[in-house]
């Protein structure tokens, strides 16, 4: 499920979490040790990034475990893990590679 939320960057910034900028695109994946799908989501994102090649932009995958910072769940209104954030897109669960690639292309080519 994909949700678009314009408040994401302000919340991430206030929490001191990594964000995208003009030269870099950050794919932030919120995970938990207890979530069996967290590693799947990270691997899926890394596979998509490996396939994409943007000469003037760097794309990186950043894991943000919530186990030691449970306030993240409330601050970001996380209801399920894993949750992937790409700019102002929330992807709850494990996104398909096509969905993630489409969002990345849309952001980088706009």
N, C-alpha and C. Protein backbone atom coordinates (compact mmCIF):
# COMPACT_ATOMS: atom_id res chain seq x y z
N UNK A 1 0.83 -1.16 0.00
CA UNK A 1 0.00 0.00 0.00
C UNK A 1 0.89 1.23 0.00
N UNK A 2 0.63 2.19 -0.88
CA UNK A 2 1.41 3.40 -0.98
C UNK A 2 0.57 4.58 -0.53
N UNK A 3 1.10 5.36 0.38
CA UNK A 3 0.44 6.56 0.84
C UNK A 3 1.36 7.73 0.57
N UNK A 4 0.82 8.81 0.06
CA UNK A 4 1.64 10.00 -0.15
C UNK A 4 1.35 10.96 0.98
N UNK A 5 2.38 11.44 1.63
CA UNK A 5 2.21 12.29 2.79
C UNK A 5 3.23 13.41 2.74
N UNK A 6 2.76 14.64 2.64
CA UNK A 6 3.67 15.79 2.52
C UNK A 6 4.34 16.18 3.83
N UNK A 7 3.95 15.57 4.94
CA UNK A 7 4.55 15.89 6.23
C UNK A 7 5.77 15.04 6.55
N UNK A 8 6.05 14.04 5.71
CA UNK A 8 7.14 13.10 6.00
C UNK A 8 8.47 13.80 6.19
N UNK A 9 8.85 14.68 5.28
CA UNK A 9 10.18 15.29 5.37
C UNK A 9 10.33 16.13 6.63
N UNK A 10 9.28 16.83 7.05
CA UNK A 10 9.41 17.62 8.27
C UNK A 10 9.54 16.73 9.49
N UNK A 11 8.82 15.61 9.52
CA UNK A 11 8.93 14.68 10.65
C UNK A 11 10.31 14.03 10.66
N UNK A 12 10.78 13.55 9.51
CA UNK A 12 12.11 12.93 9.44
C UNK A 12 13.19 13.92 9.86
N UNK A 13 13.06 15.15 9.42
CA UNK A 13 14.04 16.18 9.76
C UNK A 13 14.04 16.45 11.26
N UNK A 14 12.86 16.57 11.85
CA UNK A 14 12.78 16.84 13.29
C UNK A 14 13.34 15.69 14.12
N UNK A 15 13.31 14.48 13.56
CA UNK A 15 13.84 13.31 14.27
C UNK A 15 15.32 13.09 13.98
N UNK A 16 15.89 13.90 13.07
CA UNK A 16 17.30 13.78 12.73
C UNK A 16 17.60 12.58 11.85
N UNK A 17 16.60 12.10 11.09
CA UNK A 17 16.80 10.95 10.21
C UNK A 17 17.24 11.41 8.83
N UNK A 18 17.92 10.51 8.10
CA UNK A 18 18.43 10.86 6.78
C UNK A 18 17.30 11.13 5.82
N UNK A 19 17.55 12.10 4.91
CA UNK A 19 16.56 12.47 3.92
C UNK A 19 17.24 12.62 2.57
N UNK A 20 16.42 12.71 1.54
CA UNK A 20 16.92 12.97 0.20
C UNK A 20 17.28 14.43 0.07
N UNK A 21 18.21 14.72 -0.82
CA UNK A 21 18.52 16.09 -1.18
C UNK A 21 18.67 16.14 -2.69
N UNK A 22 19.16 17.26 -3.23
CA UNK A 22 19.23 17.41 -4.68
C UNK A 22 20.15 16.40 -5.34
N UNK A 23 21.20 15.98 -4.66
CA UNK A 23 22.17 15.06 -5.27
C UNK A 23 21.95 13.61 -4.88
N UNK A 24 21.18 13.38 -3.84
CA UNK A 24 21.03 12.02 -3.33
C UNK A 24 19.57 11.69 -3.09
N UNK A 25 19.22 10.46 -3.34
CA UNK A 25 17.88 9.97 -3.01
C UNK A 25 18.06 8.91 -1.93
N UNK A 26 17.39 9.09 -0.80
CA UNK A 26 17.49 8.15 0.29
C UNK A 26 16.20 7.33 0.38
N UNK A 27 16.37 6.02 0.39
CA UNK A 27 15.26 5.11 0.62
C UNK A 27 15.40 4.65 2.06
N UNK A 28 14.53 5.14 2.92
CA UNK A 28 14.60 4.84 4.35
C UNK A 28 13.63 3.71 4.66
N UNK A 29 14.14 2.65 5.25
CA UNK A 29 13.29 1.50 5.58
C UNK A 29 13.29 1.31 7.09
N UNK A 30 12.10 1.47 7.68
CA UNK A 30 11.92 1.29 9.11
C UNK A 30 11.67 -0.19 9.36
N UNK A 31 12.47 -0.76 10.26
CA UNK A 31 12.47 -2.20 10.47
C UNK A 31 12.40 -2.54 11.95
N UNK A 32 12.23 -3.83 12.21
CA UNK A 32 12.27 -4.36 13.57
C UNK A 32 12.89 -5.75 13.52
N UNK A 33 13.60 -6.10 14.57
CA UNK A 33 14.17 -7.44 14.65
C UNK A 33 13.08 -8.51 14.66
N UNK A 34 11.91 -8.15 15.17
CA UNK A 34 10.80 -9.11 15.26
C UNK A 34 10.01 -9.25 13.96
N UNK A 35 10.27 -8.37 13.01
CA UNK A 35 9.53 -8.40 11.74
C UNK A 35 10.27 -9.26 10.73
N UNK A 36 9.66 -10.36 10.33
CA UNK A 36 10.32 -11.28 9.40
C UNK A 36 10.45 -10.69 7.99
N UNK A 37 9.67 -9.67 7.67
CA UNK A 37 9.70 -9.10 6.33
C UNK A 37 10.66 -7.93 6.19
N UNK A 38 11.24 -7.48 7.28
CA UNK A 38 12.13 -6.32 7.23
C UNK A 38 13.34 -6.59 6.33
N UNK A 39 13.99 -7.72 6.50
CA UNK A 39 15.17 -8.04 5.67
C UNK A 39 14.78 -8.21 4.20
N UNK A 40 13.58 -8.72 3.95
CA UNK A 40 13.09 -8.87 2.57
C UNK A 40 12.96 -7.49 1.93
N UNK A 41 12.39 -6.53 2.66
CA UNK A 41 12.20 -5.18 2.13
C UNK A 41 13.54 -4.51 1.83
N UNK A 42 14.52 -4.71 2.72
CA UNK A 42 15.84 -4.14 2.50
C UNK A 42 16.49 -4.75 1.26
N UNK A 43 16.43 -6.07 1.14
CA UNK A 43 16.99 -6.74 -0.03
C UNK A 43 16.33 -6.31 -1.32
N UNK A 44 15.01 -6.17 -1.29
CA UNK A 44 14.25 -5.74 -2.47
C UNK A 44 14.70 -4.33 -2.89
N UNK A 45 14.82 -3.42 -1.93
CA UNK A 45 15.25 -2.06 -2.24
C UNK A 45 16.67 -2.05 -2.79
N UNK A 46 17.56 -2.83 -2.20
CA UNK A 46 18.94 -2.88 -2.68
C UNK A 46 19.01 -3.44 -4.10
N UNK A 47 18.19 -4.43 -4.41
CA UNK A 47 18.14 -4.99 -5.77
C UNK A 47 17.67 -3.96 -6.78
N UNK A 48 16.64 -3.20 -6.42
CA UNK A 48 16.12 -2.16 -7.33
C UNK A 48 17.18 -1.10 -7.56
N UNK A 49 17.82 -0.64 -6.50
CA UNK A 49 18.85 0.39 -6.62
C UNK A 49 20.01 -0.11 -7.49
N UNK A 50 20.39 -1.37 -7.35
CA UNK A 50 21.49 -1.93 -8.15
C UNK A 50 21.15 -1.93 -9.64
N UNK A 51 19.86 -2.08 -9.97
CA UNK A 51 19.44 -2.10 -11.37
C UNK A 51 19.35 -0.71 -11.98
N UNK A 52 19.12 0.31 -11.15
CA UNK A 52 18.94 1.66 -11.66
C UNK A 52 20.29 2.37 -11.75
N UNK A 53 20.45 3.20 -12.77
CA UNK A 53 21.70 3.92 -12.95
C UNK A 53 21.38 5.37 -13.31
N UNK A 54 21.59 6.24 -12.37
CA UNK A 54 21.41 7.67 -12.61
C UNK A 54 22.76 8.34 -12.38
N UNK A 55 23.34 8.87 -13.46
CA UNK A 55 24.71 9.38 -13.41
C UNK A 55 24.87 10.56 -12.45
N UNK A 56 23.86 11.41 -12.36
CA UNK A 56 24.02 12.61 -11.54
C UNK A 56 23.35 12.50 -10.17
N UNK A 57 22.82 11.34 -9.84
CA UNK A 57 22.14 11.15 -8.56
C UNK A 57 22.61 9.86 -7.89
N UNK A 58 22.81 9.94 -6.62
CA UNK A 58 23.14 8.77 -5.82
C UNK A 58 21.86 8.27 -5.16
N UNK A 59 21.66 6.97 -5.15
CA UNK A 59 20.51 6.37 -4.47
C UNK A 59 21.06 5.46 -3.40
N UNK A 60 20.58 5.65 -2.17
CA UNK A 60 21.08 4.80 -1.09
C UNK A 60 19.91 4.26 -0.28
N UNK A 61 20.13 3.09 0.29
CA UNK A 61 19.13 2.43 1.14
C UNK A 61 19.63 2.53 2.57
N UNK A 62 18.78 3.05 3.46
CA UNK A 62 19.15 3.24 4.86
C UNK A 62 18.14 2.49 5.72
N UNK A 63 18.65 1.60 6.57
CA UNK A 63 17.79 0.88 7.50
C UNK A 63 17.68 1.68 8.79
N UNK A 64 16.45 1.84 9.28
CA UNK A 64 16.19 2.55 10.54
C UNK A 64 15.42 1.63 11.47
N UNK A 65 16.14 0.88 12.33
CA UNK A 65 15.45 -0.01 13.27
C UNK A 65 14.65 0.80 14.30
N UNK A 66 13.46 0.35 14.59
CA UNK A 66 12.62 1.03 15.58
C UNK A 66 12.70 0.36 16.95
N UNK A 67 13.39 -0.76 17.06
CA UNK A 67 13.46 -1.50 18.31
C UNK A 67 13.98 -0.66 19.47
N UNK A 68 15.02 0.12 19.23
CA UNK A 68 15.62 0.92 20.29
C UNK A 68 15.07 2.35 20.34
N UNK A 69 14.14 2.67 19.45
CA UNK A 69 13.56 4.00 19.40
C UNK A 69 12.06 3.89 19.11
N UNK A 70 11.30 3.34 20.03
CA UNK A 70 9.88 3.11 19.79
C UNK A 70 9.08 4.39 19.56
N UNK A 71 9.61 5.54 19.93
CA UNK A 71 8.89 6.79 19.68
C UNK A 71 8.74 7.06 18.18
N UNK A 72 9.63 6.46 17.37
CA UNK A 72 9.49 6.59 15.91
C UNK A 72 8.13 6.08 15.43
N UNK A 73 7.67 5.00 16.04
CA UNK A 73 6.39 4.43 15.63
C UNK A 73 5.28 5.46 15.78
N UNK A 74 5.27 6.14 16.89
CA UNK A 74 4.23 7.15 17.13
C UNK A 74 4.47 8.41 16.31
N UNK A 75 5.72 8.88 16.28
CA UNK A 75 6.02 10.13 15.57
C UNK A 75 5.71 10.04 14.08
N UNK A 76 5.99 8.89 13.48
CA UNK A 76 5.74 8.71 12.05
C UNK A 76 4.41 8.01 11.77
N UNK A 77 3.67 7.74 12.83
CA UNK A 77 2.37 7.07 12.70
C UNK A 77 2.51 5.73 11.95
N UNK A 78 3.55 4.98 12.32
CA UNK A 78 3.81 3.68 11.71
C UNK A 78 2.85 2.67 12.32
N UNK A 79 2.07 2.03 11.48
CA UNK A 79 1.11 1.04 11.96
C UNK A 79 1.54 -0.38 11.60
N UNK A 80 2.50 -0.51 10.70
CA UNK A 80 2.99 -1.82 10.29
C UNK A 80 4.42 -1.69 9.81
N UNK A 81 5.17 -2.76 9.98
CA UNK A 81 6.56 -2.81 9.51
C UNK A 81 6.71 -3.97 8.54
N UNK A 82 7.65 -3.87 7.63
CA UNK A 82 8.51 -2.74 7.38
C UNK A 82 7.73 -1.59 6.73
N UNK A 83 8.28 -0.39 6.87
CA UNK A 83 7.74 0.77 6.18
C UNK A 83 8.88 1.46 5.46
N UNK A 84 8.69 1.66 4.17
CA UNK A 84 9.70 2.29 3.33
C UNK A 84 9.25 3.71 3.03
N UNK A 85 10.16 4.66 3.20
CA UNK A 85 9.87 6.06 2.89
C UNK A 85 10.83 6.50 1.79
N UNK A 86 10.25 6.98 0.69
CA UNK A 86 11.02 7.55 -0.41
C UNK A 86 10.42 8.93 -0.66
N UNK A 87 11.17 9.96 -0.29
CA UNK A 87 10.66 11.33 -0.31
C UNK A 87 9.35 11.39 0.45
N UNK A 88 8.25 11.72 -0.22
CA UNK A 88 6.98 11.82 0.50
C UNK A 88 6.05 10.64 0.21
N UNK A 89 6.63 9.50 -0.11
CA UNK A 89 5.86 8.27 -0.31
C UNK A 89 6.11 7.32 0.85
N UNK A 90 5.06 6.79 1.40
CA UNK A 90 5.12 5.74 2.41
C UNK A 90 4.75 4.43 1.71
N UNK A 91 5.53 3.39 1.89
CA UNK A 91 5.21 2.07 1.36
C UNK A 91 5.16 1.12 2.55
N UNK A 92 3.97 0.67 2.88
CA UNK A 92 3.77 -0.18 4.04
C UNK A 92 3.85 -1.64 3.60
N UNK A 93 4.66 -2.43 4.30
CA UNK A 93 4.87 -3.82 3.91
C UNK A 93 6.06 -3.90 2.96
N UNK A 94 6.16 -4.99 2.24
CA UNK A 94 7.24 -5.17 1.28
C UNK A 94 6.73 -4.72 -0.09
N UNK A 95 7.26 -3.61 -0.62
CA UNK A 95 6.79 -3.14 -1.92
C UNK A 95 7.29 -4.07 -3.03
N UNK A 96 6.53 -4.14 -4.09
CA UNK A 96 7.02 -4.89 -5.25
C UNK A 96 8.18 -4.11 -5.86
N UNK A 97 9.07 -4.80 -6.54
CA UNK A 97 10.20 -4.10 -7.15
C UNK A 97 9.69 -3.12 -8.21
N UNK A 98 8.63 -3.48 -8.91
CA UNK A 98 8.07 -2.58 -9.92
C UNK A 98 7.52 -1.30 -9.31
N UNK A 99 6.84 -1.42 -8.19
CA UNK A 99 6.27 -0.25 -7.51
C UNK A 99 7.39 0.67 -7.02
N UNK A 100 8.39 0.09 -6.39
CA UNK A 100 9.50 0.88 -5.87
C UNK A 100 10.28 1.54 -7.00
N UNK A 101 10.54 0.79 -8.06
CA UNK A 101 11.26 1.35 -9.20
C UNK A 101 10.48 2.48 -9.85
N UNK A 102 9.18 2.32 -9.97
CA UNK A 102 8.33 3.36 -10.56
C UNK A 102 8.39 4.65 -9.74
N UNK A 103 8.33 4.53 -8.43
CA UNK A 103 8.40 5.71 -7.56
C UNK A 103 9.76 6.39 -7.69
N UNK A 104 10.83 5.61 -7.69
CA UNK A 104 12.17 6.18 -7.82
C UNK A 104 12.32 6.90 -9.15
N UNK A 105 11.89 6.25 -10.23
CA UNK A 105 11.99 6.88 -11.55
C UNK A 105 11.17 8.17 -11.60
N UNK A 106 9.97 8.13 -11.03
CA UNK A 106 9.12 9.32 -11.02
C UNK A 106 9.80 10.48 -10.30
N UNK A 107 10.44 10.19 -9.18
CA UNK A 107 11.13 11.25 -8.42
C UNK A 107 12.34 11.77 -9.17
N UNK A 108 13.16 10.88 -9.71
CA UNK A 108 14.41 11.28 -10.33
C UNK A 108 14.25 11.87 -11.73
N UNK A 109 13.17 11.54 -12.38
CA UNK A 109 12.97 12.04 -13.75
C UNK A 109 12.03 13.23 -13.81
N UNK A 110 11.57 13.68 -12.66
CA UNK A 110 10.65 14.84 -12.69
C UNK A 110 11.39 16.14 -12.48
